[in-house]
Amino acid sequence: MSTDIYQSLTQLGRATPAPTSPEEAVLEAVPNPHPGTTYLVRFTCPEFTSLCPVTGQPDFAHLVIDYVPDRLLVESKSLKLYLASFRNHAGFHEACTVGIGKRLVERLEPQWLRIGGYWYPRGGIPIDVFWQTGPAPEGLWLPDQGVPPYRGRG
């Protein structure tokens, strides 16, 4: 495969400063090498962080992003930098989780996408946020996201 299709990438293979906000972050995409094939791509981010918009305290989550690509795949370094840009971003769990899903859909136009945000307790209550674009494509092998419900010490 010719590498010419990757010439437009601005972050992969070079030193790239971390974006200071999700709005500043650039999500890059590459052509899907298997267009027309229904398959699942999964990204797991077990150490996602953002800030509470009221207290400014850090919030932590385990994110699982599943999508069925159409024409494009997200370039993984750009996704990593995008997710890291939330480190100093103030947003409620729901805003962060659903916003990440919608931004990926806007950039990639996948056949299907779902995101699970498994947030660690805030005020003693864990918050899990789930969003998807619709029913999973027929025939898709869709494994469980593999994140057990929060049990604390029990």
N, C-alpha and C. Protein backbone atom coordinates (compact mmCIF):
# COMPACT_ATOMS: atom_id res chain seq x y z
N MET A 1 0.85 -1.18 0.00
CA MET A 1 0.00 0.00 0.00
C MET A 1 0.89 1.24 0.00
N SER A 2 0.57 2.19 -0.80
CA SER A 2 1.32 3.44 -0.88
C SER A 2 1.11 4.26 0.38
N THR A 3 2.18 4.88 0.85
CA THR A 3 2.09 5.73 2.04
C THR A 3 1.67 7.15 1.69
N ASP A 4 1.45 7.43 0.42
CA ASP A 4 1.03 8.78 0.01
C ASP A 4 -0.29 9.18 0.65
N ILE A 5 -1.13 8.21 0.97
CA ILE A 5 -2.43 8.54 1.56
C ILE A 5 -2.30 9.08 2.98
N TYR A 6 -1.10 8.96 3.57
CA TYR A 6 -0.89 9.43 4.94
C TYR A 6 -0.19 10.79 4.99
N GLN A 7 0.09 11.37 3.84
CA GLN A 7 0.83 12.63 3.79
C GLN A 7 0.11 13.79 4.48
N SER A 8 -1.21 13.72 4.58
CA SER A 8 -1.97 14.82 5.18
C SER A 8 -1.96 14.78 6.71
N LEU A 9 -1.46 13.69 7.30
CA LEU A 9 -1.43 13.59 8.76
C LEU A 9 -0.42 14.58 9.33
N THR A 10 -0.82 15.31 10.34
CA THR A 10 0.04 16.36 10.91
C THR A 10 0.62 16.01 12.27
N GLN A 11 0.19 14.88 12.87
CA GLN A 11 0.62 14.56 14.22
C GLN A 11 1.44 13.28 14.31
N LEU A 12 1.09 12.28 13.52
CA LEU A 12 1.75 10.98 13.57
C LEU A 12 3.19 11.10 13.08
N GLY A 13 4.11 10.52 13.85
CA GLY A 13 5.50 10.50 13.42
C GLY A 13 6.27 11.76 13.72
N ARG A 14 5.70 12.66 14.48
CA ARG A 14 6.42 13.88 14.83
C ARG A 14 6.01 14.33 16.22
N ALA A 15 6.86 15.12 16.84
CA ALA A 15 6.54 15.67 18.16
C ALA A 15 5.33 16.58 18.02
N THR A 16 4.35 16.33 18.84
CA THR A 16 3.10 17.09 18.77
C THR A 16 2.74 17.55 20.18
N PRO A 17 2.66 18.85 20.39
CA PRO A 17 2.26 19.31 21.73
C PRO A 17 0.82 18.91 22.03
N ALA A 18 0.56 18.65 23.29
CA ALA A 18 -0.79 18.28 23.70
C ALA A 18 -1.71 19.48 23.50
N PRO A 19 -2.89 19.28 22.93
CA PRO A 19 -3.83 20.39 22.79
C PRO A 19 -4.31 20.85 24.16
N THR A 20 -4.59 22.12 24.28
CA THR A 20 -5.00 22.67 25.58
C THR A 20 -6.49 22.54 25.84
N SER A 21 -7.25 22.16 24.83
CA SER A 21 -8.70 22.00 25.01
C SER A 21 -9.23 21.03 23.95
N PRO A 22 -10.38 20.42 24.22
CA PRO A 22 -10.97 19.54 23.20
C PRO A 22 -11.30 20.29 21.91
N GLU A 23 -11.68 21.55 22.02
CA GLU A 23 -12.01 22.33 20.82
C GLU A 23 -10.78 22.54 19.95
N GLU A 24 -9.62 22.66 20.56
CA GLU A 24 -8.36 22.88 19.83
C GLU A 24 -7.82 21.59 19.21
N ALA A 25 -8.16 20.46 19.80
CA ALA A 25 -7.62 19.17 19.37
C ALA A 25 -8.07 18.85 17.94
N VAL A 26 -7.16 18.25 17.19
CA VAL A 26 -7.43 17.87 15.81
C VAL A 26 -7.58 16.35 15.74
N LEU A 27 -8.75 15.89 15.33
CA LEU A 27 -8.96 14.46 15.10
C LEU A 27 -8.66 14.17 13.63
N GLU A 28 -7.66 13.35 13.40
CA GLU A 28 -7.27 13.03 12.03
C GLU A 28 -7.82 11.65 11.65
N ALA A 29 -7.99 11.45 10.37
CA ALA A 29 -8.55 10.19 9.87
C ALA A 29 -7.71 9.69 8.71
N VAL A 30 -7.76 8.38 8.53
CA VAL A 30 -7.10 7.72 7.41
C VAL A 30 -8.12 6.85 6.70
N PRO A 31 -7.86 6.50 5.45
CA PRO A 31 -8.82 5.65 4.73
C PRO A 31 -8.96 4.27 5.37
N ASN A 32 -10.17 3.76 5.37
CA ASN A 32 -10.45 2.41 5.85
C ASN A 32 -9.90 1.42 4.83
N PRO A 33 -9.01 0.51 5.24
CA PRO A 33 -8.46 -0.44 4.28
C PRO A 33 -9.45 -1.54 3.88
N HIS A 34 -10.60 -1.61 4.56
CA HIS A 34 -11.60 -2.64 4.26
C HIS A 34 -12.99 -2.02 4.12
N PRO A 35 -13.15 -1.05 3.23
CA PRO A 35 -14.49 -0.46 3.06
C PRO A 35 -15.46 -1.54 2.60
N GLY A 36 -16.69 -1.44 3.10
CA GLY A 36 -17.71 -2.41 2.72
C GLY A 36 -17.71 -3.65 3.59
N THR A 37 -16.75 -3.76 4.51
CA THR A 37 -16.68 -4.89 5.43
C THR A 37 -17.15 -4.40 6.80
N THR A 38 -18.07 -5.15 7.39
CA THR A 38 -18.58 -4.79 8.72
C THR A 38 -17.66 -5.39 9.78
N TYR A 39 -16.91 -4.53 10.45
CA TYR A 39 -16.04 -4.97 11.53
C TYR A 39 -15.99 -3.91 12.61
N LEU A 40 -15.61 -4.33 13.81
CA LEU A 40 -15.61 -3.45 14.96
C LEU A 40 -14.20 -2.97 15.29
N VAL A 41 -14.07 -1.70 15.58
CA VAL A 41 -12.83 -1.13 16.09
C VAL A 41 -13.11 -0.66 17.51
N ARG A 42 -12.25 -1.03 18.45
CA ARG A 42 -12.45 -0.65 19.85
C ARG A 42 -11.22 0.10 20.37
N PHE A 43 -11.49 1.22 21.03
CA PHE A 43 -10.46 1.96 21.76
C PHE A 43 -10.86 1.96 23.23
N THR A 44 -9.91 1.67 24.09
CA THR A 44 -10.15 1.67 25.52
C THR A 44 -9.21 2.69 26.16
N CYS A 45 -9.78 3.57 26.94
CA CYS A 45 -9.00 4.59 27.65
C CYS A 45 -9.29 4.46 29.14
N PRO A 46 -8.50 3.63 29.85
CA PRO A 46 -8.82 3.36 31.26
C PRO A 46 -8.42 4.47 32.23
N GLU A 47 -7.73 5.50 31.73
CA GLU A 47 -7.27 6.57 32.62
C GLU A 47 -7.69 7.95 32.12
N PHE A 48 -8.93 8.05 31.65
CA PHE A 48 -9.45 9.34 31.16
C PHE A 48 -9.65 10.28 32.35
N THR A 49 -9.30 11.54 32.16
CA THR A 49 -9.51 12.53 33.21
C THR A 49 -10.10 13.81 32.64
N SER A 50 -10.90 14.45 33.45
CA SER A 50 -11.44 15.78 33.16
C SER A 50 -11.63 16.48 34.50
N LEU A 51 -12.21 17.66 34.48
CA LEU A 51 -12.43 18.41 35.71
C LEU A 51 -13.92 18.63 35.96
N CYS A 52 -14.32 18.60 37.23
CA CYS A 52 -15.69 18.95 37.58
C CYS A 52 -15.88 20.44 37.27
N PRO A 53 -16.95 20.79 36.54
CA PRO A 53 -17.14 22.19 36.17
C PRO A 53 -17.54 23.08 37.35
N VAL A 54 -17.91 22.51 38.46
CA VAL A 54 -18.32 23.30 39.63
C VAL A 54 -17.17 23.43 40.62
N THR A 55 -16.56 22.29 40.99
CA THR A 55 -15.52 22.31 42.03
C THR A 55 -14.11 22.43 41.48
N GLY A 56 -13.91 22.07 40.21
CA GLY A 56 -12.57 22.06 39.63
C GLY A 56 -11.76 20.83 40.02
N GLN A 57 -12.37 19.92 40.78
CA GLN A 57 -11.68 18.70 41.20
C GLN A 57 -11.59 17.73 40.01
N PRO A 58 -10.55 16.89 39.99
CA PRO A 58 -10.42 15.94 38.88
C PRO A 58 -11.46 14.83 38.94
N ASP A 59 -11.91 14.41 37.78
CA ASP A 59 -12.81 13.27 37.63
C ASP A 59 -12.08 12.24 36.77
N PHE A 60 -12.35 10.97 37.03
CA PHE A 60 -11.66 9.88 36.34
C PHE A 60 -12.68 8.92 35.76
N ALA A 61 -12.37 8.42 34.58
CA ALA A 61 -13.27 7.47 33.93
C ALA A 61 -12.49 6.43 33.15
N HIS A 62 -13.17 5.35 32.87
CA HIS A 62 -12.70 4.32 31.96
C HIS A 62 -13.63 4.42 30.75
N LEU A 63 -13.09 4.85 29.62
CA LEU A 63 -13.89 5.00 28.40
C LEU A 63 -13.67 3.80 27.48
N VAL A 64 -14.75 3.35 26.85
CA VAL A 64 -14.66 2.32 25.81
C VAL A 64 -15.42 2.85 24.61
N ILE A 65 -14.71 2.97 23.49
CA ILE A 65 -15.30 3.48 22.25
C ILE A 65 -15.29 2.35 21.23
N ASP A 66 -16.45 1.98 20.74
CA ASP A 66 -16.60 0.96 19.71
C ASP A 66 -17.20 1.62 18.47
N TYR A 67 -16.64 1.33 17.30
CA TYR A 67 -17.27 1.85 16.09
C TYR A 67 -17.05 0.92 14.90
N VAL A 68 -17.98 1.00 13.97
CA VAL A 68 -17.89 0.28 12.71
C VAL A 68 -17.56 1.33 11.65
N PRO A 69 -16.35 1.28 11.11
CA PRO A 69 -15.96 2.31 10.16
C PRO A 69 -16.70 2.20 8.83
N ASP A 70 -16.79 3.33 8.17
CA ASP A 70 -17.29 3.37 6.80
C ASP A 70 -16.08 3.64 5.90
N ARG A 71 -15.90 4.88 5.51
CA ARG A 71 -14.77 5.24 4.64
C ARG A 71 -13.50 5.54 5.42
N LEU A 72 -13.64 5.96 6.70
CA LEU A 72 -12.50 6.48 7.46
C LEU A 72 -12.30 5.76 8.78
N LEU A 73 -11.04 5.73 9.21
CA LEU A 73 -10.64 5.28 10.54
C LEU A 73 -10.06 6.49 11.27
N VAL A 74 -10.25 6.56 12.58
CA VAL A 74 -9.59 7.62 13.33
C VAL A 74 -8.12 7.23 13.49
N GLU A 75 -7.25 8.19 13.32
CA GLU A 75 -5.82 7.97 13.53
C GLU A 75 -5.60 7.97 15.03
N SER A 76 -5.00 6.92 15.57
CA SER A 76 -4.99 6.69 17.01
C SER A 76 -4.19 7.73 17.81
N LYS A 77 -3.11 8.26 17.27
CA LYS A 77 -2.38 9.28 18.02
C LYS A 77 -3.24 10.52 18.18
N SER A 78 -3.96 10.89 17.14
CA SER A 78 -4.81 12.08 17.25
C SER A 78 -5.94 11.84 18.25
N LEU A 79 -6.45 10.61 18.32
CA LEU A 79 -7.47 10.29 19.32
C LEU A 79 -6.89 10.39 20.72
N LYS A 80 -5.69 9.87 20.90
CA LYS A 80 -5.03 9.93 22.20
C LYS A 80 -4.84 11.39 22.63
N LEU A 81 -4.40 12.24 21.73
CA LEU A 81 -4.21 13.66 22.06
C LEU A 81 -5.55 14.35 22.33
N TYR A 82 -6.57 13.99 21.57
CA TYR A 82 -7.90 14.56 21.80
C TYR A 82 -8.40 14.19 23.20
N LEU A 83 -8.30 12.91 23.55
CA LEU A 83 -8.77 12.49 24.87
C LEU A 83 -7.94 13.14 25.99
N ALA A 84 -6.64 13.30 25.77
CA ALA A 84 -5.79 13.95 26.77
C ALA A 84 -6.15 15.42 26.95
N SER A 85 -6.73 16.03 25.93
CA SER A 85 -7.08 17.46 26.01
C SER A 85 -8.17 17.73 27.03
N PHE A 86 -8.85 16.69 27.49
CA PHE A 86 -9.89 16.86 28.51
C PHE A 86 -9.30 17.00 29.91
N ARG A 87 -8.02 16.77 30.06
CA ARG A 87 -7.38 16.79 31.38
C ARG A 87 -7.64 18.10 32.13
N ASN A 88 -7.67 19.21 31.42
CA ASN A 88 -7.92 20.51 32.04
C ASN A 88 -9.25 21.11 31.58
N HIS A 89 -10.13 20.26 31.10
CA HIS A 89 -11.44 20.69 30.59
C HIS A 89 -12.49 20.45 31.67
N ALA A 90 -13.29 21.46 31.92
CA ALA A 90 -14.36 21.34 32.91
C ALA A 90 -15.65 20.93 32.21
N GLY A 91 -16.17 19.77 32.59
CA GLY A 91 -17.41 19.28 31.99
C GLY A 91 -18.00 18.16 32.80
N PHE A 92 -19.31 18.12 32.89
CA PHE A 92 -19.97 17.02 33.57
C PHE A 92 -19.73 15.72 32.80
N HIS A 93 -19.88 14.60 33.49
CA HIS A 93 -19.62 13.29 32.89
C HIS A 93 -20.41 13.10 31.59
N GLU A 94 -21.68 13.47 31.63
CA GLU A 94 -22.54 13.29 30.46
C GLU A 94 -22.06 14.13 29.28
N ALA A 95 -21.66 15.37 29.56
CA ALA A 95 -21.18 16.26 28.49
C ALA A 95 -19.90 15.71 27.86
N CYS A 96 -19.00 15.23 28.67
CA CYS A 96 -17.74 14.69 28.14
C CYS A 96 -17.99 13.42 27.32
N THR A 97 -18.70 12.46 27.89
CA THR A 97 -18.89 11.17 27.23
C THR A 97 -19.64 11.32 25.90
N VAL A 98 -20.80 11.94 25.95
CA VAL A 98 -21.61 12.08 24.74
C VAL A 98 -20.92 13.02 23.74
N GLY A 99 -20.26 14.05 24.24
CA GLY A 99 -19.54 14.97 23.35
C GLY A 99 -18.43 14.28 22.58
N ILE A 100 -17.70 13.39 23.22
CA ILE A 100 -16.64 12.64 22.54
C ILE A 100 -17.26 11.77 21.45
N GLY A 101 -18.34 11.08 21.77
CA GLY A 101 -19.00 10.25 20.76
C GLY A 101 -19.47 11.05 19.57
N LYS A 102 -20.11 12.18 19.83
CA LYS A 102 -20.62 13.01 18.73
C LYS A 102 -19.50 13.60 17.88
N ARG A 103 -18.39 13.98 18.52
CA ARG A 103 -17.26 14.53 17.75
C ARG A 103 -16.68 13.47 16.83
N LEU A 104 -16.57 12.24 17.32
CA LEU A 104 -16.06 11.16 16.47
C LEU A 104 -17.01 10.88 15.31
N VAL A 105 -18.31 10.89 15.57
CA VAL A 105 -19.28 10.66 14.50
C VAL A 105 -19.19 11.78 13.45
N GLU A 106 -19.06 13.00 13.91
CA GLU A 106 -18.95 14.13 12.99
C GLU A 106 -17.72 14.00 12.10
N ARG A 107 -16.61 13.57 12.67
CA ARG A 107 -15.35 13.48 11.91
C ARG A 107 -15.29 12.26 11.02
N LEU A 108 -15.77 11.12 11.51
CA LEU A 108 -15.57 9.85 10.80
C LEU A 108 -16.76 9.41 9.95
N GLU A 109 -17.97 9.83 10.31
CA GLU A 109 -19.18 9.34 9.67
C GLU A 109 -19.19 7.81 9.62
N PRO A 110 -19.04 7.17 10.79
CA PRO A 110 -18.99 5.70 10.80
C PRO A 110 -20.36 5.10 10.53
N GLN A 111 -20.37 3.80 10.22
CA GLN A 111 -21.65 3.10 10.09
C GLN A 111 -22.38 3.08 11.43
N TRP A 112 -21.60 2.99 12.52
CA TRP A 112 -22.19 2.89 13.85
C TRP A 112 -21.11 3.20 14.88
N LEU A 113 -21.52 3.78 15.99
CA LEU A 113 -20.59 4.08 17.09
C LEU A 113 -21.33 4.01 18.41
N ARG A 114 -20.63 3.51 19.42
CA ARG A 114 -21.13 3.59 20.79
C ARG A 114 -19.95 3.94 21.70
N ILE A 115 -20.27 4.62 22.79
CA ILE A 115 -19.27 4.94 23.78
C ILE A 115 -19.84 4.65 25.15
N GLY A 116 -19.02 4.03 25.98
CA GLY A 116 -19.36 3.80 27.38
C GLY A 116 -18.40 4.58 28.24
N GLY A 117 -18.92 5.42 29.11
CA GLY A 117 -18.11 6.17 30.07
C GLY A 117 -18.39 5.62 31.45
N TYR A 118 -17.44 4.95 32.02
CA TYR A 118 -17.57 4.34 33.34
C TYR A 118 -16.80 5.23 34.32
N TRP A 119 -17.52 6.12 34.96
CA TRP A 119 -16.91 7.15 35.80
C TRP A 119 -16.77 6.66 37.23
N TYR A 120 -15.66 6.98 37.82
CA TYR A 120 -15.42 6.62 39.21
C TYR A 120 -16.25 7.52 40.12
N PRO A 121 -16.51 7.06 41.35
CA PRO A 121 -17.45 7.79 42.21
C PRO A 121 -17.10 9.26 42.42
N ARG A 122 -18.15 10.05 42.39
CA ARG A 122 -18.10 11.45 42.78
C ARG A 122 -19.15 11.58 43.87
N GLY A 123 -18.75 12.03 45.05
CA GLY A 123 -19.70 12.11 46.15
C GLY A 123 -20.25 10.76 46.55
N GLY A 124 -19.45 9.70 46.31
CA GLY A 124 -19.87 8.36 46.70
C GLY A 124 -20.73 7.65 45.68
N ILE A 125 -21.02 8.28 44.54
CA ILE A 125 -21.90 7.67 43.54
C ILE A 125 -21.16 7.57 42.20
N PRO A 126 -20.94 6.34 41.71
CA PRO A 126 -20.36 6.23 40.37
C PRO A 126 -21.43 6.57 39.33
N ILE A 127 -20.99 7.16 38.25
CA ILE A 127 -21.91 7.54 37.16
C ILE A 127 -21.42 6.87 35.88
N ASP A 128 -22.27 6.10 35.25
CA ASP A 128 -21.95 5.48 33.97
C ASP A 128 -22.81 6.15 32.90
N VAL A 129 -22.17 6.50 31.79
CA VAL A 129 -22.87 7.20 30.70
C VAL A 129 -22.66 6.39 29.42
N PHE A 130 -23.77 6.10 28.72
CA PHE A 130 -23.72 5.30 27.48
C PHE A 130 -24.44 6.05 26.37
N TRP A 131 -23.85 6.03 25.17
CA TRP A 131 -24.48 6.66 24.01
C TRP A 131 -24.10 5.87 22.78
N GLN A 132 -25.05 5.74 21.86
CA GLN A 132 -24.75 5.12 20.57
C GLN A 132 -25.61 5.75 19.49
N THR A 133 -25.18 5.55 18.26
CA THR A 133 -25.84 6.20 17.13
C THR A 133 -27.13 5.50 16.70
N GLY A 134 -27.34 4.28 17.14
CA GLY A 134 -28.53 3.52 16.76
C GLY A 134 -28.25 2.05 16.96
N PRO A 135 -29.09 1.19 16.40
CA PRO A 135 -28.85 -0.26 16.54
C PRO A 135 -27.54 -0.66 15.86
N ALA A 136 -26.88 -1.64 16.44
CA ALA A 136 -25.65 -2.16 15.83
C ALA A 136 -25.98 -2.81 14.50
N PRO A 137 -25.08 -2.74 13.53
CA PRO A 137 -25.32 -3.38 12.24
C PRO A 137 -25.56 -4.88 12.39
N GLU A 138 -26.46 -5.40 11.58
CA GLU A 138 -26.77 -6.83 11.60
C GLU A 138 -25.51 -7.63 11.28
N GLY A 139 -25.30 -8.69 12.05
CA GLY A 139 -24.17 -9.57 11.81
C GLY A 139 -22.87 -9.11 12.46
N LEU A 140 -22.88 -7.98 13.15
CA LEU A 140 -21.66 -7.48 13.79
C LEU A 140 -21.36 -8.29 15.03
N TRP A 141 -20.12 -8.74 15.18
CA TRP A 141 -19.70 -9.35 16.43
C TRP A 141 -19.41 -8.21 17.39
N LEU A 142 -20.23 -8.11 18.43
CA LEU A 142 -20.16 -7.00 19.37
C LEU A 142 -19.91 -7.52 20.77
N PRO A 143 -18.63 -7.62 21.17
CA PRO A 143 -18.35 -8.12 22.51
C PRO A 143 -18.79 -7.14 23.58
N ASP A 144 -19.02 -7.64 24.77
CA ASP A 144 -19.31 -6.81 25.92
C ASP A 144 -18.14 -5.84 26.12
N GLN A 145 -18.42 -4.67 26.65
CA GLN A 145 -17.34 -3.69 26.83
C GLN A 145 -16.36 -4.10 27.93
N GLY A 146 -16.72 -5.09 28.73
CA GLY A 146 -15.75 -5.67 29.65
C GLY A 146 -15.44 -4.86 30.89
N VAL A 147 -16.24 -3.86 31.19
CA VAL A 147 -16.00 -3.06 32.38
C VAL A 147 -17.05 -3.43 33.41
N PRO A 148 -16.65 -4.05 34.51
CA PRO A 148 -17.65 -4.46 35.51
C PRO A 148 -18.25 -3.26 36.21
N PRO A 149 -19.46 -3.39 36.73
CA PRO A 149 -20.05 -2.30 37.48
C PRO A 149 -19.18 -1.98 38.69
N TYR A 150 -19.19 -0.74 39.10
CA TYR A 150 -18.37 -0.32 40.23
C TYR A 150 -18.84 -1.00 41.51
N ARG A 151 -17.89 -1.59 42.24
CA ARG A 151 -18.24 -2.28 43.46
C ARG A 151 -17.53 -1.71 44.68
N GLY A 152 -16.64 -0.77 44.49
CA GLY A 152 -15.90 -0.25 45.63
C GLY A 152 -15.05 -1.33 46.25
N ARG A 153 -15.04 -1.38 47.55
CA ARG A 153 -14.20 -2.35 48.26
C ARG A 153 -14.91 -3.67 48.44
N GLY A 154 -16.23 -3.72 48.19
CA GLY A 154 -17.04 -4.88 48.50
C GLY A 154 -16.89 -5.98 47.57
